[in-house]
Amino acid sequence: MPTMHRVSKNKRVDLNDTLIQATVYVDDGCDWTKWNAWKMREKYRMRTGIYEPEPARPRVAPAKIEPIKKPRKRGYRVVQKAIGAV
């Protein structure tokens, strides 16, 4: 998966940057179900000496970047009483 994503015509953003990961949700559009099932049996394959190449993760949707929506913080009841809101 490429780590750089084009945001506008002249600007690219590094998707592995911690600030970017904290503010946006990055969906690469790949189907990870077969890979997750393969990864769960990793210790079993290591113990028995079996080598299985990791399965492909086909792209099923276009990649998208969405902002993380944070819930609205509600005020404390004590503070609301102090200002006469309750």
PDB file of N, CA and C in Angstrom:
ATOM      1  N   MET A   1       0.847  -1.176   0.000  1.00  0.00           N
ATOM      2  CA  MET A   1       0.000   0.000   0.000  1.00  0.00           C
ATOM      3  C   MET A   1       0.889   1.235   0.000  1.00  0.00           C
ATOM      4  N   PRO A   2       0.666   2.179  -0.900  1.00  0.00           N
ATOM      5  CA  PRO A   2       1.493   3.382  -0.910  1.00  0.00           C
ATOM      6  C   PRO A   2       1.233   4.228   0.335  1.00  0.00           C
ATOM      7  N   THR A   3       2.291   4.854   0.817  1.00  0.00           N
ATOM      8  CA  THR A   3       2.135   5.662   2.018  1.00  0.00           C
ATOM      9  C   THR A   3       1.859   7.122   1.698  1.00  0.00           C
ATOM     10  N   MET A   4       2.080   7.522   0.459  1.00  0.00           N
ATOM     11  CA  MET A   4       1.810   8.910   0.077  1.00  0.00           C
ATOM     12  C   MET A   4       0.483   8.958  -0.666  1.00  0.00           C
ATOM     13  N   HIS A   5      -0.339   9.955  -0.349  1.00  0.00           N
ATOM     14  CA  HIS A   5      -1.637  10.100  -0.994  1.00  0.00           C
ATOM     15  C   HIS A   5      -1.777  11.530  -1.493  1.00  0.00           C
ATOM     16  N   ARG A   6      -2.257  11.677  -2.713  1.00  0.00           N
ATOM     17  CA  ARG A   6      -2.431  13.005  -3.295  1.00  0.00           C
ATOM     18  C   ARG A   6      -3.687  13.647  -2.720  1.00  0.00           C
ATOM     19  N   VAL A   7      -3.526  14.804  -2.081  1.00  0.00           N
ATOM     20  CA  VAL A   7      -4.641  15.537  -1.505  1.00  0.00           C
ATOM     21  C   VAL A   7      -5.179  16.562  -2.490  1.00  0.00           C
ATOM     22  N   SER A   8      -4.294  17.262  -3.132  1.00  0.00           N
ATOM     23  CA  SER A   8      -4.692  18.210  -4.171  1.00  0.00           C
ATOM     24  C   SER A   8      -3.728  18.050  -5.338  1.00  0.00           C
ATOM     25  N   LYS A   9      -3.783  18.986  -6.273  1.00  0.00           N
ATOM     26  CA  LYS A   9      -2.967  18.857  -7.475  1.00  0.00           C
ATOM     27  C   LYS A   9      -1.473  18.845  -7.162  1.00  0.00           C
ATOM     28  N   ASN A  10      -1.036  19.680  -6.241  1.00  0.00           N
ATOM     29  CA  ASN A  10       0.391  19.803  -5.954  1.00  0.00           C
ATOM     30  C   ASN A  10       0.784  19.297  -4.577  1.00  0.00           C
ATOM     31  N   LYS A  11      -0.163  18.806  -3.772  1.00  0.00           N
ATOM     32  CA  LYS A  11       0.152  18.441  -2.399  1.00  0.00           C
ATOM     33  C   LYS A  11      -0.060  16.953  -2.164  1.00  0.00           C
ATOM     34  N   ARG A  12       0.931  16.298  -1.538  1.00  0.00           N
ATOM     35  CA  ARG A  12       0.844  14.890  -1.170  1.00  0.00           C
ATOM     36  C   ARG A  12       1.012  14.779   0.336  1.00  0.00           C
ATOM     37  N   VAL A  13       0.351  13.791   0.942  1.00  0.00           N
ATOM     38  CA  VAL A  13       0.372  13.611   2.391  1.00  0.00           C
ATOM     39  C   VAL A  13       0.868  12.214   2.716  1.00  0.00           C
ATOM     40  N   ASP A  14       1.720  12.100   3.741  1.00  0.00           N
ATOM     41  CA  ASP A  14       2.196  10.809   4.208  1.00  0.00           C
ATOM     42  C   ASP A  14       1.141  10.210   5.132  1.00  0.00           C
ATOM     43  N   LEU A  15       0.548   9.067   4.744  1.00  0.00           N
ATOM     44  CA  LEU A  15      -0.528   8.464   5.518  1.00  0.00           C
ATOM     45  C   LEU A  15      -0.040   7.804   6.794  1.00  0.00           C
ATOM     46  N   ASN A  16       1.258   7.531   6.929  1.00  0.00           N
ATOM     47  CA  ASN A  16       1.788   6.922   8.144  1.00  0.00           C
ATOM     48  C   ASN A  16       2.149   7.947   9.207  1.00  0.00           C
ATOM     49  N   ASP A  17       1.962   9.206   8.929  1.00  0.00           N
ATOM     50  CA  ASP A  17       2.236  10.254   9.902  1.00  0.00           C
ATOM     51  C   ASP A  17       1.229  10.155  11.051  1.00  0.00           C
ATOM     52  N   THR A  18       1.689  10.262  12.293  1.00  0.00           N
ATOM     53  CA  THR A  18       0.799  10.096  13.446  1.00  0.00           C
ATOM     54  C   THR A  18      -0.259  11.184  13.512  1.00  0.00           C
ATOM     55  N   LEU A  19       0.055  12.391  13.109  1.00  0.00           N
ATOM     56  CA  LEU A  19      -0.933  13.469  13.129  1.00  0.00           C
ATOM     57  C   LEU A  19      -2.042  13.197  12.116  1.00  0.00           C
ATOM     58  N   ILE A  20      -1.678  12.683  10.959  1.00  0.00           N
ATOM     59  CA  ILE A  20      -2.673  12.350   9.940  1.00  0.00           C
ATOM     60  C   ILE A  20      -3.556  11.198  10.432  1.00  0.00           C
ATOM     61  N   GLN A  21      -2.959  10.173  11.040  1.00  0.00           N
ATOM     62  CA  GLN A  21      -3.730   9.029  11.512  1.00  0.00           C
ATOM     63  C   GLN A  21      -4.649   9.404  12.664  1.00  0.00           C
ATOM     64  N   ALA A  22      -4.321  10.444  13.420  1.00  0.00           N
ATOM     65  CA  ALA A  22      -5.169  10.860  14.535  1.00  0.00           C
ATOM     66  C   ALA A  22      -6.353  11.696  14.069  1.00  0.00           C
ATOM     67  N   THR A  23      -6.273  12.295  12.888  1.00  0.00           N
ATOM     68  CA  THR A  23      -7.332  13.195  12.452  1.00  0.00           C
ATOM     69  C   THR A  23      -8.194  12.651  11.325  1.00  0.00           C
ATOM     70  N   VAL A  24      -7.702  11.664  10.585  1.00  0.00           N
ATOM     71  CA  VAL A  24      -8.486  11.113   9.478  1.00  0.00           C
ATOM     72  C   VAL A  24      -8.508   9.595   9.545  1.00  0.00           C
ATOM     73  N   TYR A  25      -9.552   8.996   8.974  1.00  0.00           N
ATOM     74  CA  TYR A  25      -9.681   7.554   8.847  1.00  0.00           C
ATOM     75  C   TYR A  25      -9.334   7.196   7.407  1.00  0.00           C
ATOM     76  N   VAL A  26      -8.330   6.352   7.236  1.00  0.00           N
ATOM     77  CA  VAL A  26      -7.870   5.977   5.899  1.00  0.00           C
ATOM     78  C   VAL A  26      -8.368   4.570   5.585  1.00  0.00           C
ATOM     79  N   ASP A  27      -9.151   4.437   4.522  1.00  0.00           N
ATOM     80  CA  ASP A  27      -9.639   3.140   4.059  1.00  0.00           C
ATOM     81  C   ASP A  27      -8.973   2.850   2.722  1.00  0.00           C
ATOM     82  N   ASP A  28      -8.181   1.776   2.674  1.00  0.00           N
ATOM     83  CA  ASP A  28      -7.461   1.472   1.437  1.00  0.00           C
ATOM     84  C   ASP A  28      -8.329   0.774   0.406  1.00  0.00           C
ATOM     85  N   GLY A  29      -9.539   0.332   0.768  1.00  0.00           N
ATOM     86  CA  GLY A  29     -10.454  -0.273  -0.186  1.00  0.00           C
ATOM     87  C   GLY A  29     -10.166  -1.722  -0.505  1.00  0.00           C
ATOM     88  N   CYS A  30      -9.307  -2.384   0.271  1.00  0.00           N
ATOM     89  CA  CYS A  30      -8.968  -3.784   0.021  1.00  0.00           C
ATOM     90  C   CYS A  30      -9.800  -4.707   0.896  1.00  0.00           C
ATOM     91  N   ASP A  31      -9.998  -5.937   0.428  1.00  0.00           N
ATOM     92  CA  ASP A  31     -10.705  -6.962   1.184  1.00  0.00           C
ATOM     93  C   ASP A  31      -9.671  -7.732   2.002  1.00  0.00           C
ATOM     94  N   TRP A  32      -9.677  -7.575   3.317  1.00  0.00           N
ATOM     95  CA  TRP A  32      -8.664  -8.141   4.195  1.00  0.00           C
ATOM     96  C   TRP A  32      -9.124  -9.441   4.864  1.00  0.00           C
ATOM     97  N   THR A  33     -10.293 -10.006   4.540  1.00  0.00           N
ATOM     98  CA  THR A  33     -10.821 -11.151   5.286  1.00  0.00           C
ATOM     99  C   THR A  33      -9.937 -12.388   5.160  1.00  0.00           C
ATOM    100  N   LYS A  34      -9.494 -12.735   3.968  1.00  0.00           N
ATOM    101  CA  LYS A  34      -8.640 -13.918   3.807  1.00  0.00           C
ATOM    102  C   LYS A  34      -7.290 -13.710   4.488  1.00  0.00           C
ATOM    103  N   TRP A  35      -6.751 -12.498   4.438  1.00  0.00           N
ATOM    104  CA  TRP A  35      -5.465 -12.218   5.060  1.00  0.00           C
ATOM    105  C   TRP A  35      -5.579 -12.318   6.577  1.00  0.00           C
ATOM    106  N   ASN A  36      -6.687 -11.820   7.159  1.00  0.00           N
ATOM    107  CA  ASN A  36      -6.883 -11.899   8.615  1.00  0.00           C
ATOM    108  C   ASN A  36      -6.983 -13.344   9.074  1.00  0.00           C
ATOM    109  N   ALA A  37      -7.703 -14.179   8.330  1.00  0.00           N
ATOM    110  CA  ALA A  37      -7.796 -15.599   8.679  1.00  0.00           C
ATOM    111  C   ALA A  37      -6.428 -16.265   8.558  1.00  0.00           C
ATOM    112  N   TRP A  38      -5.660 -15.893   7.551  1.00  0.00           N
ATOM    113  CA  TRP A  38      -4.307 -16.430   7.369  1.00  0.00           C
ATOM    114  C   TRP A  38      -3.408 -16.013   8.528  1.00  0.00           C
ATOM    115  N   LYS A  39      -3.526 -14.769   8.978  1.00  0.00           N
ATOM    116  CA  LYS A  39      -2.685 -14.229  10.047  1.00  0.00           C
ATOM    117  C   LYS A  39      -2.998 -14.894  11.393  1.00  0.00           C
ATOM    118  N   MET A  40      -4.257 -15.296  11.618  1.00  0.00           N
ATOM    119  CA  MET A  40      -4.626 -15.927  12.884  1.00  0.00           C
ATOM    120  C   MET A  40      -3.951 -17.284  13.064  1.00  0.00           C
ATOM    121  N   ARG A  41      -3.596 -17.942  11.982  1.00  0.00           N
ATOM    122  CA  ARG A  41      -2.948 -19.249  12.072  1.00  0.00           C
ATOM    123  C   ARG A  41      -1.427 -19.149  11.981  1.00  0.00           C
ATOM    124  N   GLU A  42      -0.890 -17.961  12.214  1.00  0.00           N
ATOM    125  CA  GLU A  42       0.552 -17.739  12.068  1.00  0.00           C
ATOM    126  C   GLU A  42       1.371 -18.600  13.026  1.00  0.00           C
ATOM    127  N   LYS A  43       1.006 -18.643  14.307  1.00  0.00           N
ATOM    128  CA  LYS A  43       1.765 -19.435  15.289  1.00  0.00           C
ATOM    129  C   LYS A  43       1.676 -20.930  14.983  1.00  0.00           C
ATOM    130  N   TYR A  44       0.513 -21.382  14.516  1.00  0.00           N
ATOM    131  CA  TYR A  44       0.361 -22.790  14.143  1.00  0.00           C
ATOM    132  C   TYR A  44       1.326 -23.150  13.026  1.00  0.00           C
ATOM    133  N   ARG A  45       1.398 -22.310  12.019  1.00  0.00           N
ATOM    134  CA  ARG A  45       2.301 -22.598  10.898  1.00  0.00           C
ATOM    135  C   ARG A  45       3.761 -22.545  11.331  1.00  0.00           C
ATOM    136  N   MET A  46       4.089 -21.652  12.271  1.00  0.00           N
ATOM    137  CA  MET A  46       5.469 -21.585  12.749  1.00  0.00           C
ATOM    138  C   MET A  46       5.832 -22.855  13.518  1.00  0.00           C
ATOM    139  N   ARG A  47       4.919 -23.362  14.361  1.00  0.00           N
ATOM    140  CA  ARG A  47       5.197 -24.569  15.145  1.00  0.00           C
ATOM    141  C   ARG A  47       5.343 -25.798  14.262  1.00  0.00           C
ATOM    142  N   THR A  48       4.497 -25.920  13.259  1.00  0.00           N
ATOM    143  CA  THR A  48       4.522 -27.122  12.417  1.00  0.00           C
ATOM    144  C   THR A  48       5.489 -27.011  11.244  1.00  0.00           C
ATOM    145  N   GLY A  49       6.025 -25.838  11.002  1.00  0.00           N
ATOM    146  CA  GLY A  49       6.990 -25.674   9.918  1.00  0.00           C
ATOM    147  C   GLY A  49       6.353 -25.567   8.547  1.00  0.00           C
ATOM    148  N   ILE A  50       5.098 -25.194   8.503  1.00  0.00           N
ATOM    149  CA  ILE A  50       4.396 -25.046   7.230  1.00  0.00           C
ATOM    150  C   ILE A  50       4.620 -23.636   6.703  1.00  0.00           C
ATOM    151  N   TYR A  51       4.899 -23.525   5.421  1.00  0.00           N
ATOM    152  CA  TYR A  51       5.008 -22.202   4.799  1.00  0.00           C
ATOM    153  C   TYR A  51       3.854 -22.011   3.833  1.00  0.00           C
ATOM    154  N   GLU A  52       3.057 -21.003   4.080  1.00  0.00           N
ATOM    155  CA  GLU A  52       1.991 -20.606   3.160  1.00  0.00           C
ATOM    156  C   GLU A  52       2.208 -19.151   2.813  1.00  0.00           C
ATOM    157  N   PRO A  53       2.288 -18.827   1.532  1.00  0.00           N
ATOM    158  CA  PRO A  53       2.404 -17.407   1.191  1.00  0.00           C
ATOM    159  C   PRO A  53       1.127 -16.674   1.569  1.00  0.00           C
ATOM    160  N   GLU A  54       1.276 -15.423   1.927  1.00  0.00           N
ATOM    161  CA  GLU A  54       0.089 -14.669   2.343  1.00  0.00           C
ATOM    162  C   GLU A  54      -0.849 -14.459   1.160  1.00  0.00           C
ATOM    163  N   PRO A  55      -2.161 -14.524   1.422  1.00  0.00           N
ATOM    164  CA  PRO A  55      -3.118 -14.368   0.327  1.00  0.00           C
ATOM    165  C   PRO A  55      -3.187 -12.934  -0.164  1.00  0.00           C
ATOM    166  N   ALA A  56      -3.653 -12.783  -1.368  1.00  0.00           N
ATOM    167  CA  ALA A  56      -3.792 -11.446  -1.951  1.00  0.00           C
ATOM    168  C   ALA A  56      -4.921 -10.694  -1.262  1.00  0.00           C
ATOM    169  N   ARG A  57      -4.798  -9.395  -1.272  1.00  0.00           N
ATOM    170  CA  ARG A  57      -5.841  -8.528  -0.733  1.00  0.00           C
ATOM    171  C   ARG A  57      -6.388  -7.702  -1.896  1.00  0.00           C
ATOM    172  N   PRO A  58      -7.398  -8.240  -2.602  1.00  0.00           N
ATOM    173  CA  PRO A  58      -7.880  -7.544  -3.794  1.00  0.00           C
ATOM    174  C   PRO A  58      -8.573  -6.233  -3.449  1.00  0.00           C
ATOM    175  N   ARG A  59      -8.410  -5.279  -4.332  1.00  0.00           N
ATOM    176  CA  ARG A  59      -9.062  -3.984  -4.143  1.00  0.00           C
ATOM    177  C   ARG A  59     -10.521  -4.115  -4.584  1.00  0.00           C
ATOM    178  N   VAL A  60     -11.437  -3.827  -3.667  1.00  0.00           N
ATOM    179  CA  VAL A  60     -12.861  -3.957  -3.968  1.00  0.00           C
ATOM    180  C   VAL A  60     -13.563  -2.603  -4.017  1.00  0.00           C
ATOM    181  N   ALA A  61     -12.902  -1.571  -3.544  1.00  0.00           N
ATOM    182  CA  ALA A  61     -13.487  -0.231  -3.549  1.00  0.00           C
ATOM    183  C   ALA A  61     -12.357   0.778  -3.693  1.00  0.00           C
ATOM    184  N   PRO A  62     -12.655   1.973  -4.165  1.00  0.00           N
ATOM    185  CA  PRO A  62     -11.593   2.976  -4.244  1.00  0.00           C
ATOM    186  C   PRO A  62     -11.152   3.427  -2.854  1.00  0.00           C
ATOM    187  N   ALA A  63      -9.898   3.816  -2.736  1.00  0.00           N
ATOM    188  CA  ALA A  63      -9.392   4.302  -1.450  1.00  0.00           C
ATOM    189  C   ALA A  63     -10.060   5.621  -1.098  1.00  0.00           C
ATOM    190  N   LYS A  64     -10.303   5.807   0.205  1.00  0.00           N
ATOM    191  CA  LYS A  64     -10.919   7.061   0.623  1.00  0.00           C
ATOM    192  C   LYS A  64     -10.361   7.490   1.970  1.00  0.00           C
ATOM    193  N   ILE A  65     -10.365   8.772   2.177  1.00  0.00           N
ATOM    194  CA  ILE A  65      -9.901   9.369   3.422  1.00  0.00           C
ATOM    195  C   ILE A  65     -11.055  10.183   3.987  1.00  0.00           C
ATOM    196  N   GLU A  66     -11.474   9.855   5.219  1.00  0.00           N
ATOM    197  CA  GLU A  66     -12.576  10.556   5.863  1.00  0.00           C
ATOM    198  C   GLU A  66     -12.097  11.159   7.169  1.00  0.00           C
ATOM    199  N   PRO A  67     -12.577  12.332   7.533  1.00  0.00           N
ATOM    200  CA  PRO A  67     -12.196  12.889   8.831  1.00  0.00           C
ATOM    201  C   PRO A  67     -12.831  12.083   9.961  1.00  0.00           C
ATOM    202  N   ILE A  68     -12.116  11.964  11.072  1.00  0.00           N
ATOM    203  CA  ILE A  68     -12.648  11.274  12.236  1.00  0.00           C
ATOM    204  C   ILE A  68     -13.619  12.211  12.925  1.00  0.00           C
ATOM    205  N   LYS A  69     -14.843  11.751  13.091  1.00  0.00           N
ATOM    206  CA  LYS A  69     -15.858  12.575  13.733  1.00  0.00           C
ATOM    207  C   LYS A  69     -15.826  12.309  15.224  1.00  0.00           C
ATOM    208  N   LYS A  70     -15.482  13.295  15.992  1.00  0.00           N
ATOM    209  CA  LYS A  70     -15.417  13.145  17.434  1.00  0.00           C
ATOM    210  C   LYS A  70     -16.764  13.541  18.044  1.00  0.00           C
ATOM    211  N   PRO A  71     -17.242  12.799  19.044  1.00  0.00           N
ATOM    212  CA  PRO A  71     -18.533  13.134  19.647  1.00  0.00           C
ATOM    213  C   PRO A  71     -18.465  14.461  20.394  1.00  0.00           C
ATOM    214  N   ARG A  72     -19.604  15.114  20.444  1.00  0.00           N
ATOM    215  CA  ARG A  72     -19.672  16.393  21.145  1.00  0.00           C
ATOM    216  C   ARG A  72     -19.518  16.143  22.632  1.00  0.00           C
ATOM    217  N   LYS A  73     -18.673  16.935  23.283  1.00  0.00           N
ATOM    218  CA  LYS A  73     -18.458  16.790  24.719  1.00  0.00           C
ATOM    219  C   LYS A  73     -19.573  17.513  25.463  1.00  0.00           C
ATOM    220  N   ARG A  74     -20.201  16.795  26.340  1.00  0.00           N
ATOM    221  CA  ARG A  74     -21.290  17.373  27.123  1.00  0.00           C
ATOM    222  C   ARG A  74     -20.722  17.974  28.407  1.00  0.00           C
ATOM    223  N   GLY A  75     -21.318  19.074  28.835  1.00  0.00           N
ATOM    224  CA  GLY A  75     -20.849  19.740  30.046  1.00  0.00           C
ATOM    225  C   GLY A  75     -21.226  18.975  31.295  1.00  0.00           C
ATOM    226  N   TYR A  76     -20.491  19.182  32.348  1.00  0.00           N
ATOM    227  CA  TYR A  76     -20.798  18.550  33.617  1.00  0.00           C
ATOM    228  C   TYR A  76     -22.043  19.193  34.222  1.00  0.00           C
ATOM    229  N   ARG A  77     -22.838  18.407  34.916  1.00  0.00           N
ATOM    230  CA  ARG A  77     -24.061  18.894  35.512  1.00  0.00           C
ATOM    231  C   ARG A  77     -23.772  19.984  36.544  1.00  0.00           C
ATOM    232  N   VAL A  78     -22.670  19.860  37.279  1.00  0.00           N
ATOM    233  CA  VAL A  78     -22.320  20.865  38.282  1.00  0.00           C
ATOM    234  C   VAL A  78     -22.054  22.201  37.622  1.00  0.00           C
ATOM    235  N   VAL A  79     -21.353  22.181  36.511  1.00  0.00           N
ATOM    236  CA  VAL A  79     -21.052  23.421  35.800  1.00  0.00           C
ATOM    237  C   VAL A  79     -22.329  24.014  35.232  1.00  0.00           C
ATOM    238  N   GLN A  80     -23.206  23.156  34.728  1.00  0.00           N
ATOM    239  CA  GLN A  80     -24.463  23.653  34.180  1.00  0.00           C
ATOM    240  C   GLN A  80     -25.333  24.278  35.272  1.00  0.00           C
ATOM    241  N   LYS A  81     -25.302  23.694  36.467  1.00  0.00           N
ATOM    242  CA  LYS A  81     -26.066  24.292  37.573  1.00  0.00           C
ATOM    243  C   LYS A  81     -25.487  25.639  37.952  1.00  0.00           C
ATOM    244  N   ALA A  82     -24.171  25.741  37.903  1.00  0.00           N
ATOM    245  CA  ALA A  82     -23.524  26.996  38.292  1.00  0.00           C
ATOM    246  C   ALA A  82     -23.884  28.127  37.344  1.00  0.00           C
ATOM    247  N   ILE A  83     -24.056  27.793  36.067  1.00  0.00           N
ATOM    248  CA  ILE A  83     -24.401  28.866  35.104  1.00  0.00           C
ATOM    249  C   ILE A  83     -25.907  28.985  34.929  1.00  0.00           C
ATOM    250  N   GLY A  84     -26.682  28.136  35.636  1.00  0.00           N
ATOM    251  CA  GLY A  84     -28.137  28.232  35.574  1.00  0.00           C
ATOM    252  C   GLY A  84     -28.763  27.555  34.386  1.00  0.00           C
ATOM    253  N   ALA A  85     -28.055  26.602  33.775  1.00  0.00           N
ATOM    254  CA  ALA A  85     -28.586  25.924  32.592  1.00  0.00           C
ATOM    255  C   ALA A  85     -29.540  24.797  32.947  1.00  0.00           C
ATOM    256  N   VAL A  86     -29.439  24.271  34.184  1.00  0.00           N
ATOM    257  CA  VAL A  86     -30.283  23.125  34.572  1.00  0.00           C
ATOM    258  C   VAL A  86     -31.277  23.542  35.617  1.00  0.00           C
TER     259      VAL A  86
END
